[in-house]
Amino acid sequence: MASPEDKARAAAKILPRSLEEARGAVEARGLLFLRRLDRLEAGLERVGTPREAERFARATAMFLLDSLPLRPEACPFCVQNVGGNSCEACGYAETHGGECDVETSAFGQLIEAVIDLAGEIHEIRDDPSTGAVDPEEAKKELGASIARSREAAKALFADIAEADVSGLMEAKRAYIGAILEALPAGIIGSRKVDRRIEMVAFRLEGYW
């Protein structure tokens, strides 16, 4: 895990325009996320069986994972160092285990954990329903998951409004943590998925 001094050294290399571009990308995708979240919430009314509840939970989890601000355009370091061999000068790479495509990279390890989690959820899409999920209770839990996700996005907007580079990275980390907690893991009901969530949370600690 990078020290506060390492983070400060990395952040100091970022130009204001790179920070603004990354912040704008986070905000734009966040607004789109909220609009889509509203549509997802409207679909809850159509859930009527255990199998439908389980499918909705998996779809919700995949949607939430896709919302994570981990794309290059949302990172001030990637924005500033895009193209050619520019990653060699990246302050994040210098202080967080190397370039993002190497095994030791903190970002690479986080991305890999998220991909593994999404893959685990996708793998159980055709599993037969156990019938143990009560649809009405599941709808309440799913509604709460959506509400927590909406709150997380609004908190992200507030946190990045005037944030410096370190503040932006910290806000993204907090958002990712909040989304992990909002995942409807109880309805998905898979220990493998639970373990994957734990691994993402573990890798998140070293992200920034």
Protein backbone atom coordinates (compact mmCIF):
# COMPACT_ATOMS: atom_id res chain seq x y z
CA MET A 1 0.00 0.00 0.00
CA ALA A 2 1.33 3.40 -0.98
CA SER A 3 2.32 5.81 1.79
CA PRO A 4 0.78 9.29 2.11
CA GLU A 5 4.08 10.67 0.87
CA ASP A 6 3.98 8.46 -2.23
CA LYS A 7 0.40 9.51 -2.97
CA ALA A 8 1.32 13.17 -2.62
CA ARG A 9 4.29 12.69 -4.94
CA ALA A 10 2.11 10.98 -7.54
CA ALA A 11 -0.68 13.57 -7.30
CA ALA A 12 1.77 16.45 -7.65
CA LYS A 13 2.49 15.41 -11.25
CA ILE A 14 -1.11 15.88 -12.38
CA LEU A 15 -1.97 19.05 -14.29
CA PRO A 16 -5.22 20.88 -13.47
CA ARG A 17 -6.71 20.14 -16.90
CA SER A 18 -6.13 16.39 -16.42
CA LEU A 19 -7.90 16.52 -13.07
CA GLU A 20 -10.82 18.46 -14.54
CA GLU A 21 -11.18 16.07 -17.46
CA ALA A 22 -11.22 13.03 -15.19
CA ARG A 23 -13.66 14.67 -12.79
CA GLY A 24 -15.93 15.57 -15.68
CA ALA A 25 -15.90 11.98 -16.89
CA VAL A 26 -16.84 10.69 -13.44
CA GLU A 27 -19.69 13.18 -13.19
CA ALA A 28 -21.02 12.46 -16.67
CA ARG A 29 -21.04 8.72 -16.16
CA GLY A 30 -22.55 9.18 -12.71
CA LEU A 31 -25.48 11.14 -14.11
CA LEU A 32 -26.08 8.44 -16.70
CA PHE A 33 -25.91 5.85 -13.94
CA LEU A 34 -28.61 7.62 -11.94
CA ARG A 35 -30.94 7.77 -14.95
CA ARG A 36 -30.47 4.09 -15.64
CA LEU A 37 -30.89 3.31 -11.96
CA ASP A 38 -34.33 4.93 -12.08
CA ARG A 39 -35.31 2.65 -14.95
CA LEU A 40 -33.96 -0.37 -13.11
CA GLU A 41 -36.00 0.52 -10.05
CA ALA A 42 -39.15 0.78 -12.17
CA GLY A 43 -38.58 -2.79 -13.32
CA LEU A 44 -38.89 -4.08 -9.76
CA GLU A 45 -42.68 -4.08 -10.13
CA ARG A 46 -42.42 -6.91 -12.65
CA VAL A 47 -40.67 -9.24 -10.21
CA GLY A 48 -43.15 -11.89 -9.12
CA THR A 49 -41.37 -15.23 -8.66
CA PRO A 50 -38.24 -16.45 -6.84
CA ARG A 51 -36.46 -17.02 -10.14
CA GLU A 52 -37.30 -13.52 -11.34
CA ALA A 53 -36.01 -12.08 -8.06
CA GLU A 54 -32.74 -13.99 -8.40
CA ARG A 55 -32.31 -12.88 -12.01
CA PHE A 56 -33.06 -9.28 -11.08
CA ALA A 57 -30.49 -9.44 -8.29
CA ARG A 58 -27.81 -10.73 -10.64
CA ALA A 59 -28.68 -8.11 -13.26
CA THR A 60 -28.56 -5.40 -10.61
CA ALA A 61 -25.16 -6.58 -9.39
CA MET A 62 -23.73 -6.58 -12.92
CA PHE A 63 -25.14 -3.11 -13.54
CA LEU A 64 -23.63 -1.76 -10.33
CA LEU A 65 -20.24 -3.26 -11.11
CA ASP A 66 -20.35 -1.64 -14.54
CA SER A 67 -20.86 1.73 -12.84
CA LEU A 68 -17.53 1.64 -11.05
CA PRO A 69 -15.34 4.61 -12.07
CA LEU A 70 -12.42 2.49 -13.21
CA ARG A 71 -12.23 3.43 -16.88
CA PRO A 72 -9.17 5.35 -18.12
CA GLU A 73 -11.14 8.52 -18.76
CA ALA A 74 -12.11 8.64 -15.07
CA CYS A 75 -8.49 8.53 -13.91
CA PRO A 76 -6.41 11.74 -13.91
CA PHE A 77 -3.25 9.67 -14.27
CA CYS A 78 -4.53 7.88 -17.37
CA VAL A 79 -5.89 11.12 -18.82
CA GLN A 80 -2.51 12.78 -18.48
CA ASN A 81 -0.37 9.86 -19.59
CA VAL A 82 -2.45 8.42 -22.42
CA GLY A 83 -0.75 7.25 -25.62
CA GLY A 84 2.56 5.75 -26.62
CA ASN A 85 4.89 4.90 -23.77
CA SER A 86 3.57 7.66 -21.52
CA CYS A 87 2.77 5.18 -18.74
CA GLU A 88 6.48 5.12 -18.00
CA ALA A 89 6.09 8.62 -16.55
CA CYS A 90 2.88 7.88 -14.63
CA GLY A 91 3.06 8.84 -10.99
CA TYR A 92 0.45 6.25 -10.06
CA ALA A 93 2.50 3.50 -11.68
CA GLU A 94 5.59 4.67 -9.82
CA THR A 95 3.88 4.47 -6.44
CA HIS A 96 1.28 1.72 -6.82
CA GLY A 97 3.10 -1.34 -8.06
CA GLY A 98 3.81 -0.52 -11.67
CA GLU A 99 1.87 0.06 -14.87
CA CYS A 100 -1.73 -1.08 -14.82
CA ASP A 101 -1.15 -4.16 -16.98
CA VAL A 102 1.47 -5.75 -14.73
CA GLU A 103 0.66 -8.27 -11.99
CA THR A 104 2.00 -6.08 -9.20
CA SER A 105 -0.14 -3.05 -10.09
CA ALA A 106 -2.64 -2.11 -7.38
CA PHE A 107 -5.07 -0.95 -10.06
CA GLY A 108 -4.53 -4.08 -12.14
CA GLN A 109 -5.20 -6.28 -9.14
CA LEU A 110 -8.41 -4.41 -8.38
CA ILE A 111 -9.63 -4.66 -11.97
CA GLU A 112 -8.84 -8.38 -12.02
CA ALA A 113 -10.83 -8.90 -8.83
CA VAL A 114 -13.82 -7.00 -10.25
CA ILE A 115 -13.69 -9.04 -13.47
CA ASP A 116 -13.54 -12.26 -11.45
CA LEU A 117 -16.56 -11.16 -9.42
CA ALA A 118 -18.57 -10.31 -12.53
CA GLY A 119 -17.57 -13.63 -14.05
CA GLU A 120 -18.73 -15.53 -10.98
CA ILE A 121 -22.12 -13.81 -11.09
CA HIS A 122 -22.42 -14.50 -14.80
CA GLU A 123 -21.59 -18.18 -14.32
CA ILE A 124 -24.63 -18.83 -12.14
CA ARG A 125 -27.12 -17.22 -14.53
CA ASP A 126 -28.53 -20.58 -15.63
CA ASP A 127 -28.49 -22.33 -12.27
CA PRO A 128 -31.92 -23.63 -11.27
CA SER A 129 -33.77 -21.52 -8.73
CA THR A 130 -33.83 -22.94 -5.21
CA GLY A 131 -37.19 -21.34 -4.61
CA ALA A 132 -35.95 -20.19 -1.22
CA VAL A 133 -36.21 -16.50 -2.08
CA ASP A 134 -39.43 -14.78 -1.08
CA PRO A 135 -40.24 -12.43 -4.01
CA GLU A 136 -41.80 -9.71 -1.86
CA GLU A 137 -38.95 -9.68 0.63
CA ALA A 138 -36.49 -9.77 -2.23
CA LYS A 139 -38.14 -6.72 -3.81
CA LYS A 140 -37.66 -4.83 -0.55
CA GLU A 141 -34.01 -5.83 -0.40
CA LEU A 142 -33.47 -4.92 -4.04
CA GLY A 143 -35.14 -1.58 -3.48
CA ALA A 144 -32.81 -0.95 -0.57
CA SER A 145 -29.82 -1.93 -2.72
CA ILE A 146 -30.88 0.57 -5.38
CA ALA A 147 -31.44 3.28 -2.77
CA ARG A 148 -27.97 2.74 -1.28
CA SER A 149 -26.46 2.89 -4.75
CA ARG A 150 -28.22 6.16 -5.46
CA GLU A 151 -26.96 7.60 -2.18
CA ALA A 152 -23.43 6.47 -3.02
CA ALA A 153 -23.55 8.24 -6.39
CA LYS A 154 -24.83 11.47 -4.85
CA ALA A 155 -22.10 11.31 -2.20
CA LEU A 156 -19.54 10.83 -4.97
CA PHE A 157 -20.77 13.97 -6.72
CA ALA A 158 -20.49 15.96 -3.51
CA ASP A 159 -17.04 14.59 -2.68
CA ILE A 160 -15.46 15.34 -6.05
CA ALA A 161 -16.98 18.79 -6.60
CA GLU A 162 -13.95 20.65 -5.28
CA ALA A 163 -11.57 17.73 -4.84
CA ASP A 164 -7.89 17.75 -5.64
CA VAL A 165 -6.26 14.70 -7.22
CA SER A 166 -6.00 12.77 -3.97
CA GLY A 167 -9.54 13.75 -3.03
CA LEU A 168 -10.85 12.47 -6.36
CA MET A 169 -9.10 9.13 -5.95
CA GLU A 170 -10.31 8.81 -2.35
CA ALA A 171 -13.88 9.63 -3.41
CA LYS A 172 -13.78 6.96 -6.12
CA ARG A 173 -12.45 4.44 -3.63
CA ALA A 174 -15.25 5.28 -1.18
CA TYR A 175 -17.84 4.95 -3.94
CA ILE A 176 -16.55 1.55 -4.97
CA GLY A 177 -16.70 0.41 -1.34
CA ALA A 178 -20.27 1.67 -1.00
CA ILE A 179 -21.33 -0.13 -4.18
CA LEU A 180 -19.80 -3.37 -2.92
CA GLU A 181 -21.92 -3.04 0.21
CA ALA A 182 -25.00 -2.31 -1.91
CA LEU A 183 -24.69 -5.45 -4.02
CA PRO A 184 -27.71 -7.75 -3.42
CA ALA A 185 -25.45 -10.64 -2.44
CA GLY A 186 -28.00 -12.11 -0.05
CA ILE A 187 -30.49 -12.71 -2.84
CA ILE A 188 -27.83 -14.04 -5.20
CA GLY A 189 -27.03 -16.52 -2.45
CA SER A 190 -23.61 -17.77 -3.56
CA ARG A 191 -20.64 -18.28 -1.28
CA LYS A 192 -18.37 -18.05 -4.31
CA VAL A 193 -19.77 -14.62 -5.10
CA ASP A 194 -19.39 -13.60 -1.46
CA ARG A 195 -15.72 -14.57 -1.53
CA ARG A 196 -15.19 -12.63 -4.74
CA ILE A 197 -16.76 -9.55 -3.15
CA GLU A 198 -14.38 -9.93 -0.22
CA MET A 199 -11.43 -10.09 -2.62
CA VAL A 200 -12.51 -6.90 -4.39
CA ALA A 201 -12.79 -5.19 -1.01
CA PHE A 202 -9.30 -6.42 -0.12
CA ARG A 203 -7.80 -5.15 -3.38
CA LEU A 204 -9.61 -1.85 -2.96
CA GLU A 205 -7.53 -1.12 0.13
CA GLY A 206 -4.43 -0.75 -2.03
CA TYR A 207 -6.10 1.20 -4.84
CA TRP A 208 -5.30 4.58 -3.30
